[in-house]
Amino acid sequence: MQSVEILKTYHSFDLYILLKEIREKRELLYMGYEIFLKAAKQDIEFEKNAEKELLVFNDWTRRMYVIENILIERQGYFPSNITDKVLQYMWDQMKHSKQNKMIVHKNNCNEPNHINTDCV
């Protein structure tokens, strides 16, 4: 896992992808933990495995919280659910925004909706 400072340099889109992957990993780890916990009723050795699985799960949970906090700092929220459809929409928006070039007009007082204090 990268340091928080390095993660802060990542584009928000990349953080969304990381967050999605971490959440999927956590889900699998928790399912494994539950399986070991059920098996621990039969054999004490499974209880040790369940404890190890829980430690790994907690590590991935901390990673998830770090990324969520970075997103909160940037945009005031983090997504509760990240689907492929959401990621595709974000990607399309980024591509579209790069196609439209911003043009700054100077002293165009005759244009509609123009706000310039220099125009009297």
Protein backbone atom coordinates (compact mmCIF):
# COMPACT_ATOMS: atom_id res chain seq x y z
CA MET A 1 0.00 0.00 0.00
CA GLN A 2 1.24 3.46 -0.89
CA SER A 3 1.71 6.13 1.75
CA VAL A 4 -1.11 8.60 2.29
CA GLU A 5 0.94 11.40 0.73
CA ILE A 6 1.48 9.37 -2.44
CA LEU A 7 -2.19 8.35 -2.57
CA LYS A 8 -3.15 12.03 -2.37
CA THR A 9 -1.33 12.60 -5.67
CA TYR A 10 -3.55 10.04 -7.45
CA HIS A 11 -6.38 11.20 -9.67
CA SER A 12 -9.82 10.77 -8.07
CA PHE A 13 -10.77 8.29 -10.79
CA ASP A 14 -7.81 6.09 -9.80
CA LEU A 15 -8.86 6.31 -6.15
CA TYR A 16 -12.37 5.19 -7.11
CA ILE A 17 -10.92 2.13 -8.85
CA LEU A 18 -8.68 1.36 -5.86
CA LEU A 19 -11.60 1.76 -3.48
CA LYS A 20 -13.73 -0.59 -5.56
CA GLU A 21 -10.98 -3.25 -5.58
CA ILE A 22 -10.32 -2.90 -1.85
CA ARG A 23 -14.00 -3.28 -1.03
CA GLU A 24 -14.17 -6.44 -3.17
CA LYS A 25 -11.07 -7.83 -1.43
CA ARG A 26 -12.54 -7.06 2.02
CA GLU A 27 -15.76 -8.83 1.11
CA LEU A 28 -13.87 -12.00 0.14
CA LEU A 29 -11.77 -11.84 3.30
CA TYR A 30 -14.84 -11.49 5.48
CA MET A 31 -16.48 -14.47 3.81
CA GLY A 32 -13.32 -16.49 4.48
CA TYR A 33 -13.33 -15.33 8.08
CA GLU A 34 -16.93 -16.48 8.53
CA ILE A 35 -16.09 -19.90 7.05
CA PHE A 36 -13.13 -20.34 9.42
CA LEU A 37 -15.28 -19.18 12.33
CA LYS A 38 -17.93 -21.81 11.58
CA ALA A 39 -15.24 -24.48 11.13
CA ALA A 40 -13.65 -23.44 14.45
CA LYS A 41 -16.56 -25.07 16.23
CA GLN A 42 -15.24 -28.38 14.91
CA ASP A 43 -11.48 -27.86 15.23
CA ILE A 44 -9.42 -25.38 17.29
CA GLU A 45 -6.91 -25.02 14.41
CA PHE A 46 -9.57 -23.25 12.36
CA GLU A 47 -9.98 -20.71 15.16
CA LYS A 48 -6.34 -19.62 14.68
CA ASN A 49 -6.95 -19.28 10.95
CA ALA A 50 -10.06 -17.21 11.65
CA GLU A 51 -8.03 -14.85 13.84
CA LYS A 52 -5.39 -14.44 11.10
CA GLU A 53 -8.11 -13.81 8.52
CA LEU A 54 -9.65 -11.16 10.77
CA LEU A 55 -6.29 -9.37 11.10
CA VAL A 56 -5.91 -9.25 7.32
CA PHE A 57 -9.52 -8.05 7.00
CA ASN A 58 -8.83 -5.23 9.47
CA ASP A 59 -5.72 -4.21 7.51
CA TRP A 60 -7.76 -3.91 4.30
CA THR A 61 -10.43 -1.99 6.23
CA ARG A 62 -7.82 0.59 7.25
CA ARG A 63 -6.72 0.91 3.62
CA MET A 64 -10.31 1.50 2.60
CA TYR A 65 -10.75 4.21 5.25
CA VAL A 66 -7.61 6.03 4.05
CA ILE A 67 -8.92 6.27 0.49
CA GLU A 68 -12.41 7.23 1.66
CA ASN A 69 -10.92 10.04 3.77
CA ILE A 70 -8.89 11.36 0.84
CA LEU A 71 -12.06 11.44 -1.27
CA ILE A 72 -13.93 13.22 1.55
CA GLU A 73 -11.18 15.86 1.68
CA ARG A 74 -11.39 16.38 -2.09
CA GLN A 75 -15.08 16.26 -2.83
CA GLY A 76 -16.87 16.18 0.51
CA TYR A 77 -18.10 12.60 0.17
CA PHE A 78 -17.16 9.13 -0.95
CA PRO A 79 -19.36 6.79 -2.98
CA SER A 80 -21.21 4.13 -1.03
CA ASN A 81 -21.30 1.88 -4.08
CA ILE A 82 -18.93 1.89 -7.05
CA THR A 83 -20.17 -0.02 -10.06
CA ASP A 84 -18.63 -0.45 -13.50
CA LYS A 85 -21.43 1.78 -14.79
CA VAL A 86 -20.37 4.59 -12.42
CA LEU A 87 -16.73 4.22 -13.46
CA GLN A 88 -17.68 4.27 -17.15
CA TYR A 89 -19.76 7.42 -16.63
CA MET A 90 -16.83 9.13 -14.87
CA TRP A 91 -14.46 8.08 -17.65
CA ASP A 92 -16.81 9.43 -20.32
CA GLN A 93 -17.13 12.73 -18.44
CA MET A 94 -13.35 13.07 -18.24
CA LYS A 95 -12.95 12.35 -21.96
CA HIS A 96 -15.72 14.83 -22.80
CA SER A 97 -14.23 17.58 -20.64
CA LYS A 98 -10.86 17.22 -22.37
CA GLN A 99 -12.50 17.70 -25.78
CA ASN A 100 -14.00 21.08 -24.89
CA LYS A 101 -11.31 23.72 -24.68
CA MET A 102 -11.89 26.64 -22.39
CA ILE A 103 -11.56 30.00 -24.11
CA VAL A 104 -11.11 33.16 -22.10
CA HIS A 105 -12.39 36.27 -23.84
CA LYS A 106 -11.05 39.64 -22.81
CA ASN A 107 -13.09 42.82 -22.91
CA ASN A 108 -16.02 41.45 -24.90
CA CYS A 109 -18.53 43.87 -23.47
CA ASN A 110 -21.02 43.31 -26.29
CA GLU A 111 -21.47 39.57 -25.66
CA PRO A 112 -24.67 38.47 -23.92
CA ASN A 113 -24.27 37.39 -20.30
CA HIS A 114 -20.86 39.05 -20.19
CA ILE A 115 -19.81 40.19 -16.75
CA ASN A 116 -16.91 42.57 -16.63
CA THR A 117 -16.52 45.53 -14.35
CA ASP A 118 -14.37 47.24 -17.00
CA CYS A 119 -17.42 47.56 -19.26
CA VAL A 120 -19.43 50.66 -18.49
